[in-house]
Protein backbone atom coordinates (compact mmCIF):
# COMPACT_ATOMS: atom_id res chain seq x y z
CA MET A 1 78.07 92.46 102.29
CA ILE A 2 77.09 95.97 101.23
CA THR A 3 79.92 98.42 101.90
CA THR A 4 79.42 102.14 101.34
CA THR A 5 80.92 105.48 102.29
CA THR A 6 77.44 106.97 102.68
CA PRO A 7 75.57 106.95 106.03
CA THR A 8 72.68 104.97 104.56
CA VAL A 9 72.05 102.35 101.90
CA GLU A 10 69.71 103.65 99.21
CA GLY A 11 66.50 101.64 99.04
CA LYS A 12 67.26 99.85 102.33
CA ARG A 13 66.31 100.61 105.91
CA ILE A 14 68.80 100.25 108.76
CA VAL A 15 67.10 98.15 111.43
CA GLU A 16 70.00 97.50 113.77
CA TYR A 17 73.39 99.01 114.55
CA LYS A 18 76.13 96.53 115.48
CA GLY A 19 78.86 99.04 116.31
CA ILE A 20 81.98 100.60 114.85
CA ILE A 21 84.34 98.14 113.23
CA PHE A 22 87.86 98.29 111.84
CA GLY A 23 90.09 96.40 109.46
CA GLU A 24 93.81 97.03 109.87
CA VAL A 25 96.68 95.95 107.66
CA ILE A 26 100.37 96.74 108.12
CA SER A 27 102.43 95.86 105.09
CA GLY A 28 106.19 95.91 104.76
CA VAL A 29 107.85 97.21 101.63
CA ASN A 30 111.01 95.30 100.87
CA VAL A 31 114.31 96.52 99.50
CA PHE A 32 113.55 95.36 95.93
CA LYS A 33 110.32 97.35 95.78
CA ASP A 34 112.16 100.33 97.28
CA PHE A 35 114.80 100.05 94.54
CA ALA A 36 112.20 99.85 91.76
CA ALA A 37 110.28 102.79 93.23
CA GLY A 38 113.52 104.76 93.49
CA LEU A 39 114.11 104.27 89.77
CA SER A 40 110.61 105.54 89.00
CA ASN A 41 111.26 108.54 91.22
CA PHE A 42 114.59 109.26 89.52
CA PHE A 43 113.39 108.81 85.93
CA GLY A 44 109.85 110.04 86.51
CA GLY A 45 106.58 108.23 86.21
CA ARG A 46 104.42 106.16 88.48
CA SER A 47 105.63 103.43 90.79
CA ALA A 48 103.65 100.33 89.89
CA THR A 49 105.25 98.37 92.74
CA TYR A 50 104.07 100.81 95.41
CA GLU A 51 100.68 101.24 93.75
CA GLU A 52 100.17 97.46 93.77
CA GLU A 53 101.23 97.22 97.43
CA LEU A 54 98.84 100.03 98.36
CA MET A 55 95.96 98.46 96.42
CA ASN A 56 96.51 95.06 98.07
CA ALA A 57 96.70 96.58 101.55
CA ARG A 58 93.50 98.56 100.99
CA GLU A 59 91.60 95.54 99.67
CA ASN A 60 92.79 93.42 102.61
CA ALA A 61 91.76 96.08 105.14
CA LEU A 62 88.29 96.35 103.60
CA ARG A 63 87.93 92.56 103.48
CA GLU A 64 88.97 92.26 107.14
CA MET A 65 86.46 94.98 108.11
CA GLU A 66 83.67 93.16 106.25
CA GLN A 67 84.57 89.87 107.97
CA ARG A 68 84.41 91.53 111.38
CA ALA A 69 81.03 93.06 110.49
CA ALA A 70 79.70 89.66 109.44
CA ALA A 71 80.97 88.15 112.71
CA ARG A 72 78.76 90.65 114.55
CA GLY A 73 75.74 89.65 112.47
CA ALA A 74 75.75 92.67 110.15
CA ASN A 75 74.93 92.53 106.46
CA ALA A 76 76.24 96.02 105.59
CA VAL A 77 78.84 98.58 106.61
CA VAL A 78 78.01 102.28 106.28
CA GLY A 79 80.13 105.40 106.65
CA VAL A 80 83.28 103.61 105.49
CA ASP A 81 86.54 105.56 105.70
CA VAL A 82 90.01 104.41 104.66
CA ASP A 83 93.13 105.95 106.22
CA TYR A 84 96.80 105.48 105.32
CA GLU A 85 99.94 105.94 107.43
CA VAL A 86 103.63 105.25 106.93
CA LEU A 87 105.38 103.60 109.90
CA GLY A 88 108.81 102.40 110.93
CA ALA A 89 112.20 103.97 111.48
CA ASP A 90 112.85 104.11 107.73
CA ASN A 91 109.17 104.55 106.72
CA GLY A 92 109.27 101.02 105.35
CA MET A 93 105.84 99.97 106.63
CA LEU A 94 102.46 100.96 105.22
CA MET A 95 99.41 100.89 107.50
CA VAL A 96 95.91 100.95 106.05
CA ILE A 97 92.87 101.20 108.31
CA ALA A 98 89.30 100.80 107.09
CA SER A 99 86.53 101.76 109.50
CA GLY A 100 82.77 102.00 109.39
CA THR A 101 79.55 101.17 111.21
CA ALA A 102 78.28 97.60 110.99
CA VAL A 103 74.52 97.52 110.47
CA VAL A 104 71.66 95.23 109.54
CA VAL A 105 69.58 96.47 106.61
CA GLU A 106 66.38 95.16 105.12
């Protein structure tokens, strides 16, 4: 599956549009990760626990989007965009949404 942020795939021709598709992931951040991130915030530096959680959520959202594109018969996704939101009463949930247009290229 070709996945790109551009509206076209260089060297390929879009022959069919299959529609807009999404991949959504909502990931909870537990108290232990919050504690470790709090220490990083207090002492300075990057929070590896949050960075890892964000990376996993993004990869899962992109993978889900690609699977939905394949289910529609597409072999590429163009115009990909990834958005992030924090949810929940205590901002303890991370939502990642990947979207794009499923297409057939040749």
